[in-house]
Amino acid sequence: MKPWTTQGRKLTLKEGNIVLLDVDAIVNAANRNLILGGGVAGAIRNAGGPSIQEECNTIGPIDVGEAVMTNAGNLKAKHVIHAAGPVQGEGREDTKLRNATLNSLKIANENKLKDIAFPAISTGIFDFPMQECSEIMIQTVMEFLETHDHPQEVIFCLYGQDAYNVFEKTLDKLTS
């Protein structure tokens, strides 16, 4: 799929494991306590080593919709941005997911990060619908890239072909 571009910045989709990416930051689909449990957080913990959780322990808890940045331990990425995503059914999930995405992008902009990679936040154990997630996250990223210098590239790294296909259809719809 061809990346979407605006003013020299781009949004791309990739299917795979986010912890393998060599980018300035990967985004962790975090819980508000910043405990690296299962899913994306567990993969980050397993691949990155204990220093990420140790730093999270000095920061958390955070509110749902907030984001914070830590070291990336043994990962190829330089940083991990932990975005606390909503649990389906807790109320105001759309706004909270939009805020988690936006706050991650603000951290990238403030730190002049060249590229960051997002997973499909809250679609795992938090049970947020994949279609709705793709619409909220892609729209938020597109609007942000049009008005900020950083990041230069946002990658949605989606685990599994089904998730990739949903994000691809949403991106096609929003850019046609």
C-alpha atoms as a PDB file:
ATOM      1  CA  MET A   1       0.000   0.000   0.000  1.00  0.00           C
ATOM      2  CA  LYS A   2       1.201   3.465  -0.907  1.00  0.00           C
ATOM      3  CA  PRO A   3       1.762   5.729   2.139  1.00  0.00           C
ATOM      4  CA  TRP A   4      -0.462   8.752   2.704  1.00  0.00           C
ATOM      5  CA  THR A   5       1.597  11.948   2.667  1.00  0.00           C
ATOM      6  CA  THR A   6       1.078  15.565   3.657  1.00  0.00           C
ATOM      7  CA  GLN A   7       3.661  18.353   3.661  1.00  0.00           C
ATOM      8  CA  GLY A   8       6.552  15.895   3.601  1.00  0.00           C
ATOM      9  CA  ARG A   9       5.177  13.747   6.421  1.00  0.00           C
ATOM     10  CA  LYS A  10       3.697  10.317   5.903  1.00  0.00           C
ATOM     11  CA  LEU A  11       1.478   7.660   7.388  1.00  0.00           C
ATOM     12  CA  THR A  12       2.167   4.040   6.508  1.00  0.00           C
ATOM     13  CA  LEU A  13       0.746   0.647   7.435  1.00  0.00           C
ATOM     14  CA  LYS A  14       2.775  -2.433   8.244  1.00  0.00           C
ATOM     15  CA  GLU A  15       1.759  -5.906   9.365  1.00  0.00           C
ATOM     16  CA  GLY A  16       4.066  -7.420  11.967  1.00  0.00           C
ATOM     17  CA  ASN A  17       5.514  -7.254  15.452  1.00  0.00           C
ATOM     18  CA  ILE A  18       5.995  -3.673  16.662  1.00  0.00           C
ATOM     19  CA  VAL A  19       8.910  -4.568  18.963  1.00  0.00           C
ATOM     20  CA  LEU A  20      11.063  -5.408  15.926  1.00  0.00           C
ATOM     21  CA  LEU A  21      10.872  -1.925  14.402  1.00  0.00           C
ATOM     22  CA  ASP A  22      13.896   0.367  14.293  1.00  0.00           C
ATOM     23  CA  VAL A  23      12.180   3.724  14.891  1.00  0.00           C
ATOM     24  CA  ASP A  24      12.593   6.639  17.287  1.00  0.00           C
ATOM     25  CA  ALA A  25       9.634   5.398  19.366  1.00  0.00           C
ATOM     26  CA  ILE A  26       7.105   2.623  19.503  1.00  0.00           C
ATOM     27  CA  VAL A  27       3.800   3.194  21.264  1.00  0.00           C
ATOM     28  CA  ASN A  28       2.747   0.755  23.951  1.00  0.00           C
ATOM     29  CA  ALA A  29      -0.977   0.052  24.282  1.00  0.00           C
ATOM     30  CA  ALA A  30      -0.713   0.600  28.027  1.00  0.00           C
ATOM     31  CA  ASN A  31      -2.967   0.265  31.016  1.00  0.00           C
ATOM     32  CA  ARG A  32      -3.254   3.237  33.372  1.00  0.00           C
ATOM     33  CA  ASN A  33      -0.949   1.607  35.945  1.00  0.00           C
ATOM     34  CA  LEU A  34       1.808   1.183  33.335  1.00  0.00           C
ATOM     35  CA  ILE A  35       2.195  -2.489  34.219  1.00  0.00           C
ATOM     36  CA  LEU A  36       3.638  -4.327  31.218  1.00  0.00           C
ATOM     37  CA  GLY A  37       1.292  -7.330  31.225  1.00  0.00           C
ATOM     38  CA  GLY A  38       0.147  -9.109  28.055  1.00  0.00           C
ATOM     39  CA  GLY A  39      -0.371  -8.213  24.412  1.00  0.00           C
ATOM     40  CA  VAL A  40       1.781  -5.365  23.069  1.00  0.00           C
ATOM     41  CA  ALA A  41       2.952  -4.463  26.594  1.00  0.00           C
ATOM     42  CA  GLY A  42       4.023  -8.045  27.263  1.00  0.00           C
ATOM     43  CA  ALA A  43       5.918  -8.193  23.974  1.00  0.00           C
ATOM     44  CA  ILE A  44       7.677  -4.927  24.884  1.00  0.00           C
ATOM     45  CA  ARG A  45       8.548  -6.290  28.341  1.00  0.00           C
ATOM     46  CA  ASN A  46       9.863  -9.572  26.949  1.00  0.00           C
ATOM     47  CA  ALA A  47      11.943  -8.023  24.162  1.00  0.00           C
ATOM     48  CA  GLY A  48      12.997  -4.834  25.945  1.00  0.00           C
ATOM     49  CA  GLY A  49      14.030  -6.196  29.328  1.00  0.00           C
ATOM     50  CA  PRO A  50      13.322  -4.972  32.873  1.00  0.00           C
ATOM     51  CA  SER A  51      14.516  -1.359  32.580  1.00  0.00           C
ATOM     52  CA  ILE A  52      11.292  -0.281  30.839  1.00  0.00           C
ATOM     53  CA  GLN A  53       9.068  -1.590  33.637  1.00  0.00           C
ATOM     54  CA  GLU A  54      11.433  -0.144  36.246  1.00  0.00           C
ATOM     55  CA  GLU A  55      11.035   3.324  34.714  1.00  0.00           C
ATOM     56  CA  CYS A  56       7.258   2.848  34.376  1.00  0.00           C
ATOM     57  CA  ASN A  57       7.121   2.071  38.107  1.00  0.00           C
ATOM     58  CA  THR A  58       8.494   5.547  38.864  1.00  0.00           C
ATOM     59  CA  ILE A  59       5.866   7.250  36.640  1.00  0.00           C
ATOM     60  CA  GLY A  60       2.528   5.406  36.894  1.00  0.00           C
ATOM     61  CA  PRO A  61      -0.326   5.463  37.333  1.00  0.00           C
ATOM     62  CA  ILE A  62      -1.551   7.871  34.642  1.00  0.00           C
ATOM     63  CA  ASP A  63      -5.067   8.728  33.496  1.00  0.00           C
ATOM     64  CA  VAL A  64      -6.668   6.893  30.595  1.00  0.00           C
ATOM     65  CA  GLY A  65      -5.944   8.966  27.491  1.00  0.00           C
ATOM     66  CA  GLU A  66      -2.583  10.200  28.771  1.00  0.00           C
ATOM     67  CA  ALA A  67       0.812   9.174  27.430  1.00  0.00           C
ATOM     68  CA  VAL A  68       4.347   9.176  28.845  1.00  0.00           C
ATOM     69  CA  MET A  69       7.746   8.277  27.395  1.00  0.00           C
ATOM     70  CA  THR A  70      10.389   5.918  28.791  1.00  0.00           C
ATOM     71  CA  ASN A  71      13.592   4.246  27.697  1.00  0.00           C
ATOM     72  CA  ALA A  72      13.334   1.339  25.271  1.00  0.00           C
ATOM     73  CA  GLY A  73      15.699  -1.068  27.004  1.00  0.00           C
ATOM     74  CA  ASN A  74      16.985  -3.672  24.552  1.00  0.00           C
ATOM     75  CA  LEU A  75      14.549  -2.770  21.749  1.00  0.00           C
ATOM     76  CA  LYS A  76      15.714  -1.376  18.401  1.00  0.00           C
ATOM     77  CA  ALA A  77      13.490   1.650  19.054  1.00  0.00           C
ATOM     78  CA  LYS A  78      15.043   4.500  21.039  1.00  0.00           C
ATOM     79  CA  HIS A  79      11.971   5.183  23.220  1.00  0.00           C
ATOM     80  CA  VAL A  80       8.650   3.707  24.270  1.00  0.00           C
ATOM     81  CA  ILE A  81       5.622   5.986  24.497  1.00  0.00           C
ATOM     82  CA  HIS A  82       3.072   4.422  26.832  1.00  0.00           C
ATOM     83  CA  ALA A  83      -0.473   5.461  25.842  1.00  0.00           C
ATOM     84  CA  ALA A  84      -3.168   4.459  28.330  1.00  0.00           C
ATOM     85  CA  GLY A  85      -6.037   3.219  26.213  1.00  0.00           C
ATOM     86  CA  PRO A  86      -9.678   2.801  27.197  1.00  0.00           C
ATOM     87  CA  VAL A  87     -11.411  -0.398  28.217  1.00  0.00           C
ATOM     88  CA  GLN A  88     -14.573  -1.029  26.182  1.00  0.00           C
ATOM     89  CA  GLY A  89     -17.598  -0.208  28.317  1.00  0.00           C
ATOM     90  CA  GLU A  90     -15.938   2.268  30.699  1.00  0.00           C
ATOM     91  CA  GLY A  91     -17.492   5.310  29.015  1.00  0.00           C
ATOM     92  CA  ARG A  92     -16.174   8.008  26.663  1.00  0.00           C
ATOM     93  CA  GLU A  93     -13.920   5.425  24.993  1.00  0.00           C
ATOM     94  CA  ASP A  94     -13.756   7.314  21.671  1.00  0.00           C
ATOM     95  CA  THR A  95     -12.510  10.494  23.347  1.00  0.00           C
ATOM     96  CA  LYS A  96     -10.042   8.564  25.505  1.00  0.00           C
ATOM     97  CA  LEU A  97      -8.594   6.730  22.494  1.00  0.00           C
ATOM     98  CA  ARG A  98      -8.334   9.983  20.544  1.00  0.00           C
ATOM     99  CA  ASN A  99      -6.523  11.562  23.525  1.00  0.00           C
ATOM    100  CA  ALA A 100      -4.143   8.599  23.911  1.00  0.00           C
ATOM    101  CA  THR A 101      -3.226   8.918  20.225  1.00  0.00           C
ATOM    102  CA  LEU A 102      -2.964  12.707  20.318  1.00  0.00           C
ATOM    103  CA  ASN A 103      -0.885  12.757  23.513  1.00  0.00           C
ATOM    104  CA  SER A 104       1.534  10.229  22.003  1.00  0.00           C
ATOM    105  CA  LEU A 105       1.910  12.446  18.935  1.00  0.00           C
ATOM    106  CA  LYS A 106       2.473  15.509  21.125  1.00  0.00           C
ATOM    107  CA  ILE A 107       5.338  13.708  22.900  1.00  0.00           C
ATOM    108  CA  ALA A 108       6.841  12.838  19.514  1.00  0.00           C
ATOM    109  CA  ASN A 109       6.536  16.453  18.370  1.00  0.00           C
ATOM    110  CA  GLU A 110       7.964  17.924  21.598  1.00  0.00           C
ATOM    111  CA  ASN A 111      10.949  15.568  21.415  1.00  0.00           C
ATOM    112  CA  LYS A 112      11.386  16.046  17.648  1.00  0.00           C
ATOM    113  CA  LEU A 113      11.102  12.305  17.023  1.00  0.00           C
ATOM    114  CA  LYS A 114      11.490  11.424  13.362  1.00  0.00           C
ATOM    115  CA  ASP A 115       9.274   8.333  13.322  1.00  0.00           C
ATOM    116  CA  ILE A 116       6.933   6.487  15.649  1.00  0.00           C
ATOM    117  CA  ALA A 117       4.934   3.284  15.370  1.00  0.00           C
ATOM    118  CA  PHE A 118       1.481   2.688  16.847  1.00  0.00           C
ATOM    119  CA  PRO A 119      -0.320  -0.589  17.489  1.00  0.00           C
ATOM    120  CA  ALA A 120      -4.123  -0.752  17.345  1.00  0.00           C
ATOM    121  CA  ILE A 121      -4.559   0.626  20.885  1.00  0.00           C
ATOM    122  CA  SER A 122      -7.140  -1.052  23.141  1.00  0.00           C
ATOM    123  CA  THR A 123      -8.242  -3.667  20.573  1.00  0.00           C
ATOM    124  CA  GLY A 124      -6.776  -6.619  22.451  1.00  0.00           C
ATOM    125  CA  ILE A 125      -7.759  -7.450  26.008  1.00  0.00           C
ATOM    126  CA  PHE A 126      -9.505  -4.042  26.337  1.00  0.00           C
ATOM    127  CA  ASP A 127     -11.965  -5.199  23.634  1.00  0.00           C
ATOM    128  CA  PHE A 128     -12.245  -1.914  21.693  1.00  0.00           C
ATOM    129  CA  PRO A 129     -13.694  -2.536  18.198  1.00  0.00           C
ATOM    130  CA  MET A 130     -10.968  -2.656  15.514  1.00  0.00           C
ATOM    131  CA  GLN A 131     -12.984  -0.682  12.935  1.00  0.00           C
ATOM    132  CA  GLU A 132     -13.722   2.150  15.348  1.00  0.00           C
ATOM    133  CA  CYS A 133     -10.097   2.145  16.528  1.00  0.00           C
ATOM    134  CA  SER A 134      -8.820   2.462  12.954  1.00  0.00           C
ATOM    135  CA  GLU A 135     -11.130   5.402  12.206  1.00  0.00           C
ATOM    136  CA  ILE A 136     -10.237   7.317  15.384  1.00  0.00           C
ATOM    137  CA  MET A 137      -6.499   6.699  15.266  1.00  0.00           C
ATOM    138  CA  ILE A 138      -5.976   7.304  11.543  1.00  0.00           C
ATOM    139  CA  GLN A 139      -8.085  10.486  11.533  1.00  0.00           C
ATOM    140  CA  THR A 140      -6.236  11.823  14.600  1.00  0.00           C
ATOM    141  CA  VAL A 141      -2.830  11.111  13.038  1.00  0.00           C
ATOM    142  CA  MET A 142      -3.773  12.678   9.705  1.00  0.00           C
ATOM    143  CA  GLU A 143      -4.997  15.875  11.364  1.00  0.00           C
ATOM    144  CA  PHE A 144      -1.879  16.077  13.555  1.00  0.00           C
ATOM    145  CA  LEU A 145       0.569  15.549  10.678  1.00  0.00           C
ATOM    146  CA  GLU A 146      -1.018  18.393   8.733  1.00  0.00           C
ATOM    147  CA  THR A 147      -0.201  20.926  11.472  1.00  0.00           C
ATOM    148  CA  HIS A 148       3.037  19.705  13.163  1.00  0.00           C
ATOM    149  CA  ASP A 149       6.630  19.171  12.053  1.00  0.00           C
ATOM    150  CA  HIS A 150       7.203  15.953  13.997  1.00  0.00           C
ATOM    151  CA  PRO A 151       6.980  13.079  13.655  1.00  0.00           C
ATOM    152  CA  GLN A 152       7.966  12.873  10.004  1.00  0.00           C
ATOM    153  CA  GLU A 153       6.475   9.375   9.693  1.00  0.00           C
ATOM    154  CA  VAL A 154       3.790   7.506  11.610  1.00  0.00           C
ATOM    155  CA  ILE A 155       3.596   3.764  11.126  1.00  0.00           C
ATOM    156  CA  PHE A 156       0.628   1.691  12.181  1.00  0.00           C
ATOM    157  CA  CYS A 157       2.223  -1.680  12.914  1.00  0.00           C
ATOM    158  CA  LEU A 158      -0.665  -4.108  13.041  1.00  0.00           C
ATOM    159  CA  TYR A 159      -0.436  -7.602  14.413  1.00  0.00           C
ATOM    160  CA  GLY A 160      -2.172  -9.965  12.004  1.00  0.00           C
ATOM    161  CA  GLN A 161      -3.578  -9.653   8.520  1.00  0.00           C
ATOM    162  CA  ASP A 162      -7.136  -9.050   9.759  1.00  0.00           C
ATOM    163  CA  ALA A 163      -6.106  -5.932  11.705  1.00  0.00           C
ATOM    164  CA  TYR A 164      -4.013  -4.739   8.761  1.00  0.00           C
ATOM    165  CA  ASN A 165      -6.965  -5.165   6.385  1.00  0.00           C
ATOM    166  CA  VAL A 166      -9.275  -3.094   8.610  1.00  0.00           C
ATOM    167  CA  PHE A 167      -6.740  -0.238   8.846  1.00  0.00           C
ATOM    168  CA  GLU A 168      -6.037  -0.430   5.106  1.00  0.00           C
ATOM    169  CA  LYS A 169      -9.742  -0.100   4.221  1.00  0.00           C
ATOM    170  CA  THR A 170     -10.137   2.807   6.643  1.00  0.00           C
ATOM    171  CA  LEU A 171      -7.099   4.603   5.240  1.00  0.00           C
ATOM    172  CA  ASP A 172      -8.383   4.067   1.686  1.00  0.00           C
ATOM    173  CA  LYS A 173     -11.799   5.467   2.684  1.00  0.00           C
ATOM    174  CA  LEU A 174     -10.306   8.538   4.419  1.00  0.00           C
ATOM    175  CA  THR A 175      -7.941   9.359   1.555  1.00  0.00           C
ATOM    176  CA  SER A 176     -10.242   8.807  -1.443  1.00  0.00           C
END
